[in-house]
Amino acid sequence: MGRSKSELTKENNKKELVLKIYSEDHNLPIGSIAYRSGTSIERAEKYIKEYQIGLVAYFNFGIAPSMSQENTFFLFSDNGVEKKLLKEGDKLWSSNFITPLEALFIKINLGYEIKLNNHE
C-alpha cells in the first residue's frame, strides 16, 4: 500500500534535521549526527550520502602531499574544507569525516584505500 502521509512527514523531518546538523559541522562523527537527530546511523548515512550525491557537480577537490610531514597528504575542496590524511602502510586514514565521494577521489588520484573512521 505505501506509507501514510504522517510517516512520510516524520521521515522528511528527520532527514531535514540530519542535514541541518551535518551542514553545521561536516566533521561531526556520523554517530553523533544520528544521536542528535534521533535516527539510526544507517539512516543518517543514507540521508547524507543522498545529499552528497546531489552535490557531486558542485565540488572540486585537490590533493597535495605535505611539504613538512612525511606520509601526510591534504585534501582540499573548493568550499574551503581541508582534511589531513595520514599514510599507514598501504592505507590512508583521517581523523576527519571522509565522505564516500572524497574516498573515491583519494582512491582514483592516490591509489590508496582510506580507512573510514566515520562511526567514532
N, C-alpha and C. Protein backbone atom coordinates (compact mmCIF):
# COMPACT_ATOMS: atom_id res chain seq x y z
N MET A 1 0.81 -1.18 0.00
CA MET A 1 0.00 0.00 0.00
C MET A 1 0.86 1.25 0.00
N GLY A 2 1.89 1.31 0.81
CA GLY A 2 2.68 2.52 0.91
C GLY A 2 2.55 3.13 2.29
N ARG A 3 3.38 4.10 2.52
CA ARG A 3 3.38 4.73 3.84
C ARG A 3 2.38 5.88 3.89
N SER A 4 1.92 6.12 5.10
CA SER A 4 0.95 7.19 5.29
C SER A 4 1.65 8.55 5.20
N LYS A 5 0.84 9.58 5.04
CA LYS A 5 1.38 10.94 4.93
C LYS A 5 2.14 11.32 6.19
N SER A 6 1.66 10.90 7.37
CA SER A 6 2.34 11.25 8.62
C SER A 6 3.70 10.55 8.73
N GLU A 7 3.78 9.30 8.24
CA GLU A 7 5.06 8.59 8.24
C GLU A 7 6.07 9.28 7.32
N LEU A 8 5.61 9.70 6.15
CA LEU A 8 6.48 10.40 5.21
C LEU A 8 6.93 11.74 5.77
N THR A 9 6.03 12.46 6.42
CA THR A 9 6.36 13.75 7.02
C THR A 9 7.39 13.56 8.14
N LYS A 10 7.20 12.54 8.96
CA LYS A 10 8.12 12.26 10.05
C LYS A 10 9.51 11.93 9.51
N GLU A 11 9.57 11.10 8.47
CA GLU A 11 10.85 10.75 7.87
C GLU A 11 11.51 11.98 7.25
N ASN A 12 10.73 12.80 6.56
CA ASN A 12 11.26 14.01 5.94
C ASN A 12 11.81 14.97 7.00
N ASN A 13 11.12 15.08 8.13
CA ASN A 13 11.59 15.93 9.22
C ASN A 13 12.92 15.43 9.78
N LYS A 14 13.06 14.11 9.93
CA LYS A 14 14.32 13.54 10.41
C LYS A 14 15.44 13.80 9.40
N LYS A 15 15.11 13.64 8.12
CA LYS A 15 16.11 13.88 7.08
C LYS A 15 16.57 15.34 7.12
N GLU A 16 15.64 16.26 7.25
CA GLU A 16 15.99 17.68 7.33
C GLU A 16 16.85 17.96 8.55
N LEU A 17 16.55 17.32 9.69
CA LEU A 17 17.33 17.52 10.90
C LEU A 17 18.75 16.96 10.73
N VAL A 18 18.87 15.77 10.16
CA VAL A 18 20.19 15.18 9.89
C VAL A 18 21.01 16.13 9.03
N LEU A 19 20.43 16.63 7.95
CA LEU A 19 21.16 17.51 7.04
C LEU A 19 21.48 18.86 7.67
N LYS A 20 20.60 19.34 8.54
CA LYS A 20 20.87 20.60 9.25
C LYS A 20 22.07 20.43 10.16
N ILE A 21 22.10 19.36 10.93
CA ILE A 21 23.21 19.09 11.85
C ILE A 21 24.49 18.90 11.05
N TYR A 22 24.41 18.13 9.97
CA TYR A 22 25.58 17.88 9.12
C TYR A 22 26.10 19.17 8.50
N SER A 23 25.21 20.03 8.05
CA SER A 23 25.64 21.28 7.41
C SER A 23 26.30 22.23 8.40
N GLU A 24 25.95 22.13 9.67
CA GLU A 24 26.56 22.98 10.69
C GLU A 24 27.98 22.54 11.02
N ASP A 25 28.29 21.25 10.87
CA ASP A 25 29.64 20.74 11.17
C ASP A 25 29.88 19.46 10.38
N HIS A 26 30.55 19.59 9.22
CA HIS A 26 30.83 18.42 8.38
C HIS A 26 31.78 17.42 9.05
N ASN A 27 32.50 17.85 10.07
CA ASN A 27 33.46 16.97 10.74
C ASN A 27 32.86 16.18 11.89
N LEU A 28 31.60 16.42 12.18
CA LEU A 28 30.92 15.72 13.28
C LEU A 28 30.77 14.24 12.92
N PRO A 29 31.15 13.33 13.82
CA PRO A 29 31.01 11.90 13.53
C PRO A 29 29.55 11.53 13.24
N ILE A 30 29.37 10.58 12.35
CA ILE A 30 28.04 10.17 11.92
C ILE A 30 27.21 9.66 13.11
N GLY A 31 27.86 9.03 14.07
CA GLY A 31 27.14 8.55 15.25
C GLY A 31 26.53 9.69 16.05
N SER A 32 27.25 10.80 16.13
CA SER A 32 26.74 11.98 16.84
C SER A 32 25.57 12.60 16.09
N ILE A 33 25.69 12.65 14.78
CA ILE A 33 24.61 13.20 13.95
C ILE A 33 23.35 12.35 14.13
N ALA A 34 23.52 11.04 14.07
CA ALA A 34 22.38 10.13 14.23
C ALA A 34 21.74 10.30 15.61
N TYR A 35 22.56 10.35 16.64
CA TYR A 35 22.04 10.50 18.01
C TYR A 35 21.27 11.81 18.16
N ARG A 36 21.88 12.90 17.70
CA ARG A 36 21.24 14.21 17.85
C ARG A 36 19.94 14.33 17.07
N SER A 37 19.85 13.59 15.97
CA SER A 37 18.64 13.68 15.14
C SER A 37 17.61 12.61 15.49
N GLY A 38 17.96 11.69 16.39
CA GLY A 38 17.03 10.66 16.81
C GLY A 38 16.77 9.61 15.74
N THR A 39 17.79 9.32 14.94
CA THR A 39 17.64 8.31 13.90
C THR A 39 18.81 7.33 13.98
N SER A 40 18.77 6.29 13.19
CA SER A 40 19.84 5.30 13.20
C SER A 40 21.05 5.81 12.41
N ILE A 41 22.20 5.23 12.69
CA ILE A 41 23.41 5.58 11.95
C ILE A 41 23.21 5.27 10.47
N GLU A 42 22.61 4.14 10.17
CA GLU A 42 22.40 3.74 8.77
C GLU A 42 21.53 4.75 8.03
N ARG A 43 20.48 5.20 8.68
CA ARG A 43 19.57 6.16 8.04
C ARG A 43 20.26 7.52 7.87
N ALA A 44 21.02 7.95 8.89
CA ALA A 44 21.75 9.22 8.79
C ALA A 44 22.76 9.14 7.64
N GLU A 45 23.47 8.01 7.54
CA GLU A 45 24.42 7.83 6.43
C GLU A 45 23.71 7.90 5.08
N LYS A 46 22.54 7.29 5.00
CA LYS A 46 21.76 7.30 3.76
C LYS A 46 21.40 8.72 3.36
N TYR A 47 20.88 9.50 4.31
CA TYR A 47 20.47 10.87 4.02
C TYR A 47 21.67 11.71 3.58
N ILE A 48 22.79 11.56 4.28
CA ILE A 48 23.98 12.34 3.94
C ILE A 48 24.54 11.91 2.59
N LYS A 49 24.54 10.62 2.32
CA LYS A 49 25.04 10.14 1.03
C LYS A 49 24.19 10.67 -0.11
N GLU A 50 22.87 10.64 0.05
CA GLU A 50 21.98 11.18 -0.99
C GLU A 50 22.25 12.67 -1.21
N TYR A 51 22.47 13.38 -0.12
CA TYR A 51 22.78 14.81 -0.20
C TYR A 51 24.09 15.03 -0.95
N GLN A 52 25.12 14.24 -0.61
CA GLN A 52 26.43 14.39 -1.25
C GLN A 52 26.38 14.04 -2.73
N ILE A 53 25.61 13.03 -3.09
CA ILE A 53 25.48 12.67 -4.50
C ILE A 53 24.89 13.83 -5.28
N GLY A 54 23.96 14.54 -4.66
CA GLY A 54 23.38 15.71 -5.30
C GLY A 54 24.37 16.85 -5.47
N LEU A 55 25.45 16.84 -4.68
CA LEU A 55 26.45 17.91 -4.75
C LEU A 55 27.62 17.58 -5.66
N VAL A 56 27.67 16.38 -6.21
CA VAL A 56 28.82 15.95 -6.99
C VAL A 56 29.24 16.98 -8.03
N ALA A 57 28.30 17.56 -8.71
CA ALA A 57 28.63 18.52 -9.76
C ALA A 57 29.15 19.84 -9.21
N TYR A 58 29.00 20.06 -7.93
CA TYR A 58 29.36 21.36 -7.36
C TYR A 58 30.70 21.38 -6.64
N PHE A 59 31.29 20.23 -6.36
CA PHE A 59 32.54 20.19 -5.62
C PHE A 59 33.71 19.84 -6.50
N ASN A 60 34.79 20.56 -6.30
CA ASN A 60 36.08 20.24 -6.91
C ASN A 60 37.04 19.96 -5.77
N PHE A 61 37.82 18.91 -5.92
CA PHE A 61 38.78 18.53 -4.89
C PHE A 61 40.20 18.69 -5.42
N GLY A 62 41.11 18.84 -4.50
CA GLY A 62 42.53 18.83 -4.81
C GLY A 62 43.23 18.07 -3.71
N ILE A 63 44.35 17.47 -4.04
CA ILE A 63 45.09 16.72 -3.03
C ILE A 63 46.57 17.05 -3.21
N ALA A 64 47.27 17.20 -2.10
CA ALA A 64 48.68 17.56 -2.16
C ALA A 64 49.42 16.91 -1.00
N PRO A 65 50.68 16.51 -1.26
CA PRO A 65 51.49 15.97 -0.16
C PRO A 65 51.95 17.12 0.74
N SER A 66 52.16 16.80 1.99
CA SER A 66 52.69 17.80 2.92
C SER A 66 54.14 18.07 2.59
N MET A 67 54.54 19.31 2.67
CA MET A 67 55.94 19.68 2.42
C MET A 67 56.80 19.50 3.66
N SER A 68 56.17 19.35 4.83
CA SER A 68 56.95 19.28 6.06
C SER A 68 56.77 18.00 6.87
N GLN A 69 55.77 17.19 6.51
CA GLN A 69 55.49 15.97 7.28
C GLN A 69 55.48 14.76 6.34
N GLU A 70 56.26 13.75 6.69
CA GLU A 70 56.28 12.53 5.88
C GLU A 70 54.95 11.79 6.01
N ASN A 71 54.60 11.07 4.94
CA ASN A 71 53.40 10.23 4.93
C ASN A 71 52.13 11.02 5.26
N THR A 72 52.09 12.27 4.86
CA THR A 72 50.95 13.13 5.13
C THR A 72 50.51 13.81 3.85
N PHE A 73 49.19 13.81 3.63
CA PHE A 73 48.59 14.49 2.49
C PHE A 73 47.48 15.40 2.99
N PHE A 74 47.11 16.36 2.16
CA PHE A 74 45.98 17.22 2.48
C PHE A 74 44.98 17.17 1.34
N LEU A 75 43.73 17.00 1.69
CA LEU A 75 42.62 17.01 0.73
C LEU A 75 41.92 18.35 0.87
N PHE A 76 41.77 19.05 -0.24
CA PHE A 76 41.13 20.37 -0.24
C PHE A 76 39.87 20.31 -1.09
N SER A 77 38.88 21.06 -0.68
CA SER A 77 37.68 21.19 -1.51
C SER A 77 37.45 22.67 -1.78
N ASP A 78 36.72 22.95 -2.84
CA ASP A 78 36.51 24.35 -3.22
C ASP A 78 35.60 25.10 -2.26
N ASN A 79 35.03 24.41 -1.29
CA ASN A 79 34.22 25.11 -0.29
C ASN A 79 35.06 25.50 0.93
N GLY A 80 36.38 25.31 0.83
CA GLY A 80 37.29 25.75 1.88
C GLY A 80 37.64 24.72 2.93
N VAL A 81 37.15 23.51 2.80
CA VAL A 81 37.45 22.47 3.78
C VAL A 81 38.78 21.82 3.45
N GLU A 82 39.61 21.66 4.48
CA GLU A 82 40.91 20.99 4.35
C GLU A 82 40.92 19.81 5.31
N LYS A 83 41.32 18.64 4.81
CA LYS A 83 41.36 17.44 5.65
C LYS A 83 42.74 16.81 5.55
N LYS A 84 43.30 16.51 6.71
CA LYS A 84 44.62 15.91 6.79
C LYS A 84 44.49 14.40 6.67
N LEU A 85 45.31 13.79 5.81
CA LEU A 85 45.32 12.35 5.59
C LEU A 85 46.69 11.81 5.97
N LEU A 86 46.71 10.73 6.73
CA LEU A 86 47.97 10.11 7.14
C LEU A 86 48.09 8.73 6.52
N LYS A 87 49.28 8.43 5.98
CA LYS A 87 49.53 7.14 5.32
C LYS A 87 50.12 6.17 6.33
N GLU A 88 49.50 5.00 6.41
CA GLU A 88 50.00 3.90 7.24
C GLU A 88 49.99 2.66 6.38
N GLY A 89 51.17 2.19 5.98
CA GLY A 89 51.25 1.03 5.09
C GLY A 89 50.65 1.35 3.74
N ASP A 90 49.68 0.56 3.32
CA ASP A 90 49.06 0.78 2.02
C ASP A 90 47.69 1.45 2.14
N LYS A 91 47.42 2.07 3.29
CA LYS A 91 46.13 2.75 3.50
C LYS A 91 46.35 4.15 4.05
N LEU A 92 45.35 4.97 3.86
CA LEU A 92 45.32 6.30 4.44
C LEU A 92 44.22 6.35 5.48
N TRP A 93 44.33 7.23 6.43
CA TRP A 93 43.26 7.45 7.39
C TRP A 93 43.23 8.93 7.74
N SER A 94 42.11 9.34 8.27
CA SER A 94 41.93 10.72 8.67
C SER A 94 41.07 10.76 9.92
N SER A 95 41.35 11.72 10.78
CA SER A 95 40.50 11.90 11.96
C SER A 95 39.25 12.69 11.59
N ASN A 96 39.23 13.24 10.37
CA ASN A 96 38.07 13.96 9.87
C ASN A 96 37.07 12.99 9.24
N PHE A 97 35.82 13.41 9.17
CA PHE A 97 34.80 12.64 8.46
C PHE A 97 35.15 12.68 6.97
N ILE A 98 35.28 11.53 6.35
CA ILE A 98 35.57 11.42 4.92
C ILE A 98 34.32 10.90 4.23
N THR A 99 33.85 11.66 3.26
CA THR A 99 32.64 11.27 2.54
C THR A 99 32.98 10.18 1.53
N PRO A 100 31.99 9.42 1.08
CA PRO A 100 32.26 8.43 0.03
C PRO A 100 32.83 9.08 -1.24
N LEU A 101 32.38 10.27 -1.57
CA LEU A 101 32.89 10.97 -2.75
C LEU A 101 34.37 11.32 -2.56
N GLU A 102 34.73 11.78 -1.38
CA GLU A 102 36.14 12.09 -1.10
C GLU A 102 36.98 10.83 -1.12
N ALA A 103 36.47 9.73 -0.55
CA ALA A 103 37.20 8.46 -0.56
C ALA A 103 37.45 7.99 -1.99
N LEU A 104 36.46 8.15 -2.84
CA LEU A 104 36.62 7.77 -4.25
C LEU A 104 37.68 8.65 -4.92
N PHE A 105 37.66 9.94 -4.67
CA PHE A 105 38.65 10.86 -5.23
C PHE A 105 40.06 10.46 -4.80
N ILE A 106 40.21 10.13 -3.52
CA ILE A 106 41.52 9.71 -3.00
C ILE A 106 41.98 8.43 -3.67
N LYS A 107 41.08 7.46 -3.79
CA LYS A 107 41.41 6.18 -4.42
C LYS A 107 41.84 6.37 -5.87
N ILE A 108 41.12 7.19 -6.61
CA ILE A 108 41.43 7.42 -8.02
C ILE A 108 42.75 8.17 -8.17
N ASN A 109 43.00 9.17 -7.34
CA ASN A 109 44.15 10.04 -7.53
C ASN A 109 45.42 9.60 -6.81
N LEU A 110 45.30 8.87 -5.72
CA LEU A 110 46.48 8.39 -5.00
C LEU A 110 46.65 6.88 -5.07
N GLY A 111 45.57 6.19 -5.39
CA GLY A 111 45.64 4.73 -5.46
C GLY A 111 45.56 4.05 -4.11
N TYR A 112 45.22 4.80 -3.07
CA TYR A 112 45.14 4.23 -1.73
C TYR A 112 43.68 4.14 -1.28
N GLU A 113 43.39 3.05 -0.57
CA GLU A 113 42.10 2.97 0.12
C GLU A 113 42.21 3.86 1.35
N ILE A 114 41.08 4.33 1.82
CA ILE A 114 41.09 5.13 3.05
C ILE A 114 40.29 4.41 4.11
N LYS A 115 40.86 4.34 5.29
CA LYS A 115 40.13 3.77 6.43
C LYS A 115 39.13 4.82 6.86
N LEU A 116 37.86 4.47 6.80
CA LEU A 116 36.81 5.40 7.19
C LEU A 116 36.56 5.29 8.68
N ASN A 117 36.77 6.38 9.39
CA ASN A 117 36.56 6.42 10.84
C ASN A 117 35.27 7.18 11.13
N ASN A 118 34.27 7.02 10.30
CA ASN A 118 33.08 7.86 10.40
C ASN A 118 32.14 7.49 11.54
N HIS A 119 32.33 6.35 12.17
CA HIS A 119 31.40 5.94 13.22
C HIS A 119 31.89 6.28 14.62
N GLU A 120 32.98 6.99 14.74
CA GLU A 120 33.52 7.31 16.06
C GLU A 120 32.68 8.33 16.76
